[in-house]
PDB file of all heavy atoms in Angstrom:
ATOM      1  N   LEU A   1       8.946  -2.873  -8.293  1.00  0.00           N
ATOM      2  CA  LEU A   1       7.521  -3.110  -8.065  1.00  0.00           C
ATOM      3  C   LEU A   1       6.434  -2.516  -8.929  1.00  0.00           C
ATOM      4  O   LEU A   1       5.550  -3.137  -9.448  1.00  0.00           O
ATOM      5  CB  LEU A   1       7.239  -2.775  -6.485  1.00  0.00           C
ATOM      6  CG  LEU A   1       5.759  -3.103  -6.031  1.00  0.00           C
ATOM      7  CD1 LEU A   1       5.412  -4.642  -6.040  1.00  0.00           C
ATOM      8  CD2 LEU A   1       5.678  -2.542  -4.525  1.00  0.00           C
ATOM      9  N   ALA A   2       6.686  -1.239  -9.274  1.00  0.00           N
ATOM     10  CA  ALA A   2       5.682  -0.465  -9.979  1.00  0.00           C
ATOM     11  C   ALA A   2       5.830  -0.825 -11.514  1.00  0.00           C
ATOM     12  O   ALA A   2       4.812  -0.747 -12.197  1.00  0.00           O
ATOM     13  CB  ALA A   2       5.840   1.009  -9.712  1.00  0.00           C
ATOM     14  N   GLY A   3       7.053  -1.079 -11.935  1.00  0.00           N
ATOM     15  CA  GLY A   3       7.252  -1.369 -13.281  1.00  0.00           C
ATOM     16  C   GLY A   3       6.843  -0.091 -14.184  1.00  0.00           C
ATOM     17  O   GLY A   3       7.048   1.046 -13.784  1.00  0.00           O
ATOM     18  N   ASP A   4       6.190  -0.297 -15.241  1.00  0.00           N
ATOM     19  CA  ASP A   4       5.635   0.698 -16.083  1.00  0.00           C
ATOM     20  C   ASP A   4       4.161   0.886 -16.054  1.00  0.00           C
ATOM     21  O   ASP A   4       3.530   1.381 -16.988  1.00  0.00           O
ATOM     22  CB  ASP A   4       6.064   0.501 -17.601  1.00  0.00           C
ATOM     23  CG  ASP A   4       5.608  -0.839 -18.084  1.00  0.00           C
ATOM     24  OD1 ASP A   4       4.957  -1.576 -17.387  1.00  0.00           O
ATOM     25  OD2 ASP A   4       5.939  -1.165 -19.313  1.00  0.00           O
ATOM     26  N   ARG A   5       3.546   0.466 -14.909  1.00  0.00           N
ATOM     27  CA  ARG A   5       2.178   0.506 -14.807  1.00  0.00           C
ATOM     28  C   ARG A   5       1.714   1.987 -14.588  1.00  0.00           C
ATOM     29  O   ARG A   5       2.321   2.705 -13.815  1.00  0.00           O
ATOM     30  CB  ARG A   5       1.766  -0.314 -13.518  1.00  0.00           C
ATOM     31  CG  ARG A   5       2.131  -1.797 -13.528  1.00  0.00           C
ATOM     32  CD  ARG A   5       1.639  -2.495 -12.231  1.00  0.00           C
ATOM     33  NE  ARG A   5       0.220  -2.417 -12.177  1.00  0.00           N
ATOM     34  CZ  ARG A   5      -0.534  -3.484 -12.190  1.00  0.00           C
ATOM     35  NH1 ARG A   5      -0.034  -4.761 -12.409  1.00  0.00           N
ATOM     36  NH2 ARG A   5      -1.860  -3.404 -12.081  1.00  0.00           N
ATOM     37  N   ASP A   6       0.600   2.282 -15.265  1.00  0.00           N
ATOM     38  CA  ASP A   6       0.026   3.729 -15.118  1.00  0.00           C
ATOM     39  C   ASP A   6      -0.638   3.896 -13.745  1.00  0.00           C
ATOM     40  O   ASP A   6      -0.850   4.933 -13.322  1.00  0.00           O
ATOM     41  CB  ASP A   6      -0.921   3.968 -16.260  1.00  0.00           C
ATOM     42  CG  ASP A   6      -0.234   4.026 -17.653  1.00  0.00           C
ATOM     43  OD1 ASP A   6       0.958   4.374 -17.620  1.00  0.00           O
ATOM     44  OD2 ASP A   6      -0.969   3.824 -18.633  1.00  0.00           O
ATOM     45  N   ASP A   7      -1.086   2.721 -13.100  1.00  0.00           N
ATOM     46  CA  ASP A   7      -1.893   2.864 -11.954  1.00  0.00           C
ATOM     47  C   ASP A   7      -1.070   2.708 -10.660  1.00  0.00           C
ATOM     48  O   ASP A   7      -1.520   2.694  -9.544  1.00  0.00           O
ATOM     49  CB  ASP A   7      -3.007   1.723 -11.853  1.00  0.00           C
ATOM     50  CG  ASP A   7      -2.546   0.387 -12.127  1.00  0.00           C
ATOM     51  OD1 ASP A   7      -1.182   0.147 -12.332  1.00  0.00           O
ATOM     52  OD2 ASP A   7      -3.286  -0.632 -12.223  1.00  0.00           O
ATOM     53  N   ALA A   8       0.264   2.701 -10.819  1.00  0.00           N
ATOM     54  CA  ALA A   8       1.213   2.620  -9.761  1.00  0.00           C
ATOM     55  C   ALA A   8       2.067   3.863  -9.698  1.00  0.00           C
ATOM     56  O   ALA A   8       2.711   4.208 -10.701  1.00  0.00           O
ATOM     57  CB  ALA A   8       2.073   1.354  -9.749  1.00  0.00           C
ATOM     58  N   LEU A   9       2.145   4.623  -8.480  1.00  0.00           N
ATOM     59  CA  LEU A   9       2.869   5.726  -8.342  1.00  0.00           C
ATOM     60  C   LEU A   9       3.974   5.493  -7.310  1.00  0.00           C
ATOM     61  O   LEU A   9       3.705   5.460  -6.094  1.00  0.00           O
ATOM     62  CB  LEU A   9       2.031   6.827  -7.765  1.00  0.00           C
ATOM     63  CG  LEU A   9       2.758   8.239  -7.367  1.00  0.00           C
ATOM     64  CD1 LEU A   9       3.434   8.825  -8.632  1.00  0.00           C
ATOM     65  CD2 LEU A   9       1.702   9.272  -6.825  1.00  0.00           C
ATOM     66  N   PRO A  10       5.284   5.316  -7.748  1.00  0.00           N
ATOM     67  CA  PRO A  10       6.273   5.060  -6.740  1.00  0.00           C
ATOM     68  C   PRO A  10       6.686   6.432  -6.086  1.00  0.00           C
ATOM     69  O   PRO A  10       6.746   7.451  -6.678  1.00  0.00           O
ATOM     70  CB  PRO A  10       7.614   4.705  -7.686  1.00  0.00           C
ATOM     71  CG  PRO A  10       6.997   4.338  -9.061  1.00  0.00           C
ATOM     72  CD  PRO A  10       5.663   5.205  -9.073  1.00  0.00           C
ATOM     73  N   LEU A  11       6.686   6.302  -4.670  1.00  0.00           N
ATOM     74  CA  LEU A  11       6.800   7.511  -3.908  1.00  0.00           C
ATOM     75  C   LEU A  11       7.798   7.135  -2.798  1.00  0.00           C
ATOM     76  O   LEU A  11       7.415   6.872  -1.704  1.00  0.00           O
ATOM     77  CB  LEU A  11       5.468   7.894  -3.229  1.00  0.00           C
ATOM     78  CG  LEU A  11       5.201   9.317  -2.717  1.00  0.00           C
ATOM     79  CD1 LEU A  11       5.395  10.334  -3.892  1.00  0.00           C
ATOM     80  CD2 LEU A  11       3.880   9.444  -2.055  1.00  0.00           C
ATOM     81  N   PRO A  12       9.131   7.214  -3.214  1.00  0.00           N
ATOM     82  CA  PRO A  12      10.201   6.873  -2.255  1.00  0.00           C
ATOM     83  C   PRO A  12      10.101   7.713  -0.990  1.00  0.00           C
ATOM     84  O   PRO A  12       9.861   8.955  -1.123  1.00  0.00           O
ATOM     85  CB  PRO A  12      11.476   7.140  -3.015  1.00  0.00           C
ATOM     86  CG  PRO A  12      11.039   7.015  -4.380  1.00  0.00           C
ATOM     87  CD  PRO A  12       9.684   7.543  -4.428  1.00  0.00           C
ATOM     88  N   LEU A  13      10.220   7.200   0.223  1.00  0.00           N
ATOM     89  CA  LEU A  13       9.919   8.023   1.445  1.00  0.00           C
ATOM     90  C   LEU A  13      10.458   7.264   2.658  1.00  0.00           C
ATOM     91  O   LEU A  13      10.313   6.144   2.840  1.00  0.00           O
ATOM     92  CB  LEU A  13       8.515   8.113   1.560  1.00  0.00           C
ATOM     93  CG  LEU A  13       7.882   8.942   2.765  1.00  0.00           C
ATOM     94  CD1 LEU A  13       8.348  10.424   2.675  1.00  0.00           C
ATOM     95  CD2 LEU A  13       6.406   8.908   2.777  1.00  0.00           C
ATOM     96  N   ASP A  14      11.151   7.984   3.532  1.00  0.00           N
ATOM     97  CA  ASP A  14      11.441   7.549   4.913  1.00  0.00           C
ATOM     98  C   ASP A  14      10.346   8.198   5.782  1.00  0.00           C
ATOM     99  O   ASP A  14      10.309   9.423   6.004  1.00  0.00           O
ATOM    100  CB  ASP A  14      12.802   7.969   5.344  1.00  0.00           C
ATOM    101  CG  ASP A  14      13.131   7.648   6.726  1.00  0.00           C
ATOM    102  OD1 ASP A  14      12.213   7.123   7.437  1.00  0.00           O
ATOM    103  OD2 ASP A  14      14.363   7.835   7.114  1.00  0.00           O
ATOM    104  N   VAL A  15       9.462   7.437   6.310  1.00  0.00           N
ATOM    105  CA  VAL A  15       8.297   8.063   7.105  1.00  0.00           C
ATOM    106  C   VAL A  15       8.819   8.738   8.315  1.00  0.00           C
ATOM    107  O   VAL A  15       7.993   9.529   8.913  1.00  0.00           O
ATOM    108  CB  VAL A  15       7.289   6.933   7.473  1.00  0.00           C
ATOM    109  CG1 VAL A  15       6.655   6.343   6.164  1.00  0.00           C
ATOM    110  CG2 VAL A  15       7.812   5.890   8.321  1.00  0.00           C
ATOM    111  N   SER A  16       9.951   8.482   8.809  1.00  0.00           N
ATOM    112  CA  SER A  16      10.513   9.161  10.004  1.00  0.00           C
ATOM    113  C   SER A  16      10.898  10.615   9.619  1.00  0.00           C
ATOM    114  O   SER A  16      11.010  11.364  10.677  1.00  0.00           O
ATOM    115  CB  SER A  16      11.781   8.466  10.516  1.00  0.00           C
ATOM    116  OG  SER A  16      11.509   7.056  10.812  1.00  0.00           O
ATOM    117  N   ASP A  17      10.890  11.033   8.438  1.00  0.00           N
ATOM    118  CA  ASP A  17      11.274  12.325   7.991  1.00  0.00           C
ATOM    119  C   ASP A  17       9.974  13.167   7.766  1.00  0.00           C
ATOM    120  O   ASP A  17       9.276  13.018   6.779  1.00  0.00           O
ATOM    121  CB  ASP A  17      12.077  12.275   6.745  1.00  0.00           C
ATOM    122  CG  ASP A  17      12.590  13.668   6.237  1.00  0.00           C
ATOM    123  OD1 ASP A  17      11.980  14.700   6.623  1.00  0.00           O
ATOM    124  OD2 ASP A  17      13.593  13.626   5.469  1.00  0.00           O
ATOM    125  N   ARG A  18       9.674  13.998   8.766  1.00  0.00           N
ATOM    126  CA  ARG A  18       8.412  14.609   8.792  1.00  0.00           C
ATOM    127  C   ARG A  18       8.172  15.513   7.561  1.00  0.00           C
ATOM    128  O   ARG A  18       7.221  15.647   6.899  1.00  0.00           O
ATOM    129  CB  ARG A  18       8.273  15.485  10.068  1.00  0.00           C
ATOM    130  CG  ARG A  18       6.929  16.216  10.240  1.00  0.00           C
ATOM    131  CD  ARG A  18       6.865  16.928  11.554  1.00  0.00           C
ATOM    132  NE  ARG A  18       5.660  17.691  11.754  1.00  0.00           N
ATOM    133  CZ  ARG A  18       5.417  18.445  12.895  1.00  0.00           C
ATOM    134  NH1 ARG A  18       6.282  18.481  13.808  1.00  0.00           N
ATOM    135  NH2 ARG A  18       4.305  19.072  12.987  1.00  0.00           N
ATOM    136  N   ALA A  19       9.235  16.304   7.244  1.00  0.00           N
ATOM    137  CA  ALA A  19       9.180  17.218   6.103  1.00  0.00           C
ATOM    138  C   ALA A  19       8.997  16.425   4.759  1.00  0.00           C
ATOM    139  O   ALA A  19       8.238  16.807   3.904  1.00  0.00           O
ATOM    140  CB  ALA A  19      10.440  18.094   6.076  1.00  0.00           C
ATOM    141  N   ALA A  20       9.724  15.276   4.598  1.00  0.00           N
ATOM    142  CA  ALA A  20       9.584  14.494   3.446  1.00  0.00           C
ATOM    143  C   ALA A  20       8.195  13.901   3.240  1.00  0.00           C
ATOM    144  O   ALA A  20       7.665  13.785   2.214  1.00  0.00           O
ATOM    145  CB  ALA A  20      10.659  13.437   3.399  1.00  0.00           C
ATOM    146  N   VAL A  21       7.631  13.510   4.456  1.00  0.00           N
ATOM    147  CA  VAL A  21       6.274  12.967   4.375  1.00  0.00           C
ATOM    148  C   VAL A  21       5.242  14.144   3.993  1.00  0.00           C
ATOM    149  O   VAL A  21       4.327  13.836   3.167  1.00  0.00           O
ATOM    150  CB  VAL A  21       5.826  12.418   5.748  1.00  0.00           C
ATOM    151  CG1 VAL A  21       4.323  11.988   5.739  1.00  0.00           C
ATOM    152  CG2 VAL A  21       6.774  11.271   6.065  1.00  0.00           C
ATOM    153  N   ARG A  22       5.471  15.275   4.402  1.00  0.00           N
ATOM    154  CA  ARG A  22       4.548  16.427   4.037  1.00  0.00           C
ATOM    155  C   ARG A  22       4.691  16.619   2.439  1.00  0.00           C
ATOM    156  O   ARG A  22       3.671  16.873   1.735  1.00  0.00           O
ATOM    157  CB  ARG A  22       4.880  17.664   4.848  1.00  0.00           C
ATOM    158  CG  ARG A  22       4.346  17.645   6.202  1.00  0.00           C
ATOM    159  CD  ARG A  22       4.359  18.953   6.898  1.00  0.00           C
ATOM    160  NE  ARG A  22       3.566  18.964   8.162  1.00  0.00           N
ATOM    161  CZ  ARG A  22       3.446  19.948   8.917  1.00  0.00           C
ATOM    162  NH1 ARG A  22       4.084  21.054   8.698  1.00  0.00           N
ATOM    163  NH2 ARG A  22       2.739  19.819  10.078  1.00  0.00           N
ATOM    164  N   ARG A  23       5.989  16.588   1.997  1.00  0.00           N
ATOM    165  CA  ARG A  23       6.081  16.728   0.558  1.00  0.00           C
ATOM    166  C   ARG A  23       5.374  15.597  -0.248  1.00  0.00           C
ATOM    167  O   ARG A  23       4.858  15.806  -1.304  1.00  0.00           O
ATOM    168  CB  ARG A  23       7.591  16.775   0.196  1.00  0.00           C
ATOM    169  CG  ARG A  23       8.347  18.099   0.748  1.00  0.00           C
ATOM    170  CD  ARG A  23       9.624  18.239   0.051  1.00  0.00           C
ATOM    171  NE  ARG A  23      10.625  17.110   0.503  1.00  0.00           N
ATOM    172  CZ  ARG A  23      11.365  17.222   1.541  1.00  0.00           C
ATOM    173  NH1 ARG A  23      11.311  18.321   2.285  1.00  0.00           N
ATOM    174  NH2 ARG A  23      12.165  16.245   1.805  1.00  0.00           N
ATOM    175  N   ALA A  24       5.479  14.392   0.349  1.00  0.00           N
ATOM    176  CA  ALA A  24       4.751  13.270  -0.247  1.00  0.00           C
ATOM    177  C   ALA A  24       3.364  13.557  -0.335  1.00  0.00           C
ATOM    178  O   ALA A  24       2.535  13.162  -1.309  1.00  0.00           O
ATOM    179  CB  ALA A  24       5.104  11.976   0.538  1.00  0.00           C
ATOM    180  N   GLY A  25       2.774  14.111   0.760  1.00  0.00           N
ATOM    181  CA  GLY A  25       1.305  14.485   0.712  1.00  0.00           C
ATOM    182  C   GLY A  25       0.977  15.440  -0.359  1.00  0.00           C
ATOM    183  O   GLY A  25      -0.112  15.317  -1.065  1.00  0.00           O
ATOM    184  N   GLU A  26       1.870  16.404  -0.598  1.00  0.00           N
ATOM    185  CA  GLU A  26       1.575  17.360  -1.715  1.00  0.00           C
ATOM    186  C   GLU A  26       1.671  16.673  -3.044  1.00  0.00           C
ATOM    187  O   GLU A  26       0.833  16.894  -3.943  1.00  0.00           O
ATOM    188  CB  GLU A  26       2.704  18.443  -1.589  1.00  0.00           C
ATOM    189  CG  GLU A  26       2.501  19.318  -0.314  1.00  0.00           C
ATOM    190  CD  GLU A  26       3.720  20.228  -0.147  1.00  0.00           C
ATOM    191  OE1 GLU A  26       4.652  20.193  -0.958  1.00  0.00           O
ATOM    192  OE2 GLU A  26       3.762  20.970   0.802  1.00  0.00           O
ATOM    193  N   ARG A  27       2.609  15.623  -3.187  1.00  0.00           N
ATOM    194  CA  ARG A  27       2.651  14.873  -4.445  1.00  0.00           C
ATOM    195  C   ARG A  27       1.473  14.123  -4.642  1.00  0.00           C
ATOM    196  O   ARG A  27       0.879  13.973  -5.743  1.00  0.00           O
ATOM    197  CB  ARG A  27       3.982  14.027  -4.382  1.00  0.00           C
ATOM    198  CG  ARG A  27       4.122  13.056  -5.587  1.00  0.00           C
ATOM    199  CD  ARG A  27       4.568  13.910  -6.837  1.00  0.00           C
ATOM    200  NE  ARG A  27       4.749  13.045  -7.924  1.00  0.00           N
ATOM    201  CZ  ARG A  27       3.880  12.736  -8.826  1.00  0.00           C
ATOM    202  NH1 ARG A  27       2.671  13.249  -8.769  1.00  0.00           N
ATOM    203  NH2 ARG A  27       4.074  11.957  -9.851  1.00  0.00           N
ATOM    204  N   LEU A  28       0.947  13.435  -3.614  1.00  0.00           N
ATOM    205  CA  LEU A  28      -0.323  12.759  -3.698  1.00  0.00           C
ATOM    206  C   LEU A  28      -1.472  13.519  -4.079  1.00  0.00           C
ATOM    207  O   LEU A  28      -2.333  13.038  -4.836  1.00  0.00           O
ATOM    208  CB  LEU A  28      -0.526  12.067  -2.339  1.00  0.00           C
ATOM    209  CG  LEU A  28       0.305  10.778  -2.074  1.00  0.00           C
ATOM    210  CD1 LEU A  28       0.225  10.464  -0.537  1.00  0.00           C
ATOM    211  CD2 LEU A  28      -0.100   9.672  -2.864  1.00  0.00           C
ATOM    212  N   ALA A  29      -1.594  14.734  -3.525  1.00  0.00           N
ATOM    213  CA  ALA A  29      -2.669  15.580  -3.842  1.00  0.00           C
ATOM    214  C   ALA A  29      -2.714  15.990  -5.411  1.00  0.00           C
ATOM    215  O   ALA A  29      -3.649  16.054  -5.947  1.00  0.00           O
ATOM    216  CB  ALA A  29      -2.651  16.899  -2.961  1.00  0.00           C
ATOM    217  N   GLU A  30      -1.418  16.185  -5.790  1.00  0.00           N
ATOM    218  CA  GLU A  30      -1.319  16.535  -7.260  1.00  0.00           C
ATOM    219  C   GLU A  30      -1.706  15.256  -8.129  1.00  0.00           C
ATOM    220  O   GLU A  30      -2.365  15.484  -9.196  1.00  0.00           O
ATOM    221  CB  GLU A  30       0.097  16.901  -7.544  1.00  0.00           C
ATOM    222  CG  GLU A  30       0.498  18.159  -6.948  1.00  0.00           C
ATOM    223  CD  GLU A  30       2.027  18.448  -7.121  1.00  0.00           C
ATOM    224  OE1 GLU A  30       2.791  17.608  -7.801  1.00  0.00           O
ATOM    225  OE2 GLU A  30       2.636  19.440  -6.710  1.00  0.00           O
ATOM    226  N   ALA A  31      -1.350  14.122  -7.796  1.00  0.00           N
ATOM    227  CA  ALA A  31      -1.497  12.989  -8.594  1.00  0.00           C
ATOM    228  C   ALA A  31      -2.976  12.327  -8.442  1.00  0.00           C
ATOM    229  O   ALA A  31      -3.455  11.921  -9.511  1.00  0.00           O
ATOM    230  CB  ALA A  31      -0.505  11.869  -8.287  1.00  0.00           C
ATOM    231  N   PHE A  32      -3.532  12.341  -7.301  1.00  0.00           N
ATOM    232  CA  PHE A  32      -4.786  11.627  -6.997  1.00  0.00           C
ATOM    233  C   PHE A  32      -5.864  12.526  -6.567  1.00  0.00           C
ATOM    234  O   PHE A  32      -7.016  12.112  -6.553  1.00  0.00           O
ATOM    235  CB  PHE A  32      -4.534  10.602  -5.836  1.00  0.00           C
ATOM    236  CG  PHE A  32      -3.704   9.451  -6.261  1.00  0.00           C
ATOM    237  CD1 PHE A  32      -3.483   8.443  -5.293  1.00  0.00           C
ATOM    238  CD2 PHE A  32      -3.219   9.187  -7.560  1.00  0.00           C
ATOM    239  CE1 PHE A  32      -2.693   7.249  -5.686  1.00  0.00           C
ATOM    240  CE2 PHE A  32      -2.419   8.044  -7.935  1.00  0.00           C
ATOM    241  CZ  PHE A  32      -2.246   7.157  -6.915  1.00  0.00           C
ATOM    242  N   GLY A  33      -5.607  13.811  -6.181  1.00  0.00           N
ATOM    243  CA  GLY A  33      -6.650  14.626  -5.640  1.00  0.00           C
ATOM    244  C   GLY A  33      -6.975  14.271  -4.228  1.00  0.00           C
ATOM    245  O   GLY A  33      -6.508  14.889  -3.282  1.00  0.00           O
ATOM    246  N   GLY A  34      -7.811  13.121  -3.969  1.00  0.00           N
ATOM    247  CA  GLY A  34      -8.076  12.673  -2.702  1.00  0.00           C
ATOM    248  C   GLY A  34      -7.591  11.146  -2.546  1.00  0.00           C
ATOM    249  O   GLY A  34      -7.098  10.691  -3.549  1.00  0.00           O
TER     250      GLY A  34
END
């Protein structure tokens, strides 16, 4: 879906995994800020 687009950030995630979602939040903070 994302291909080689610079404006798409693939973030594989099972939302049922609480710890994984928190790590995804940290990744989002690094990539997007807000």
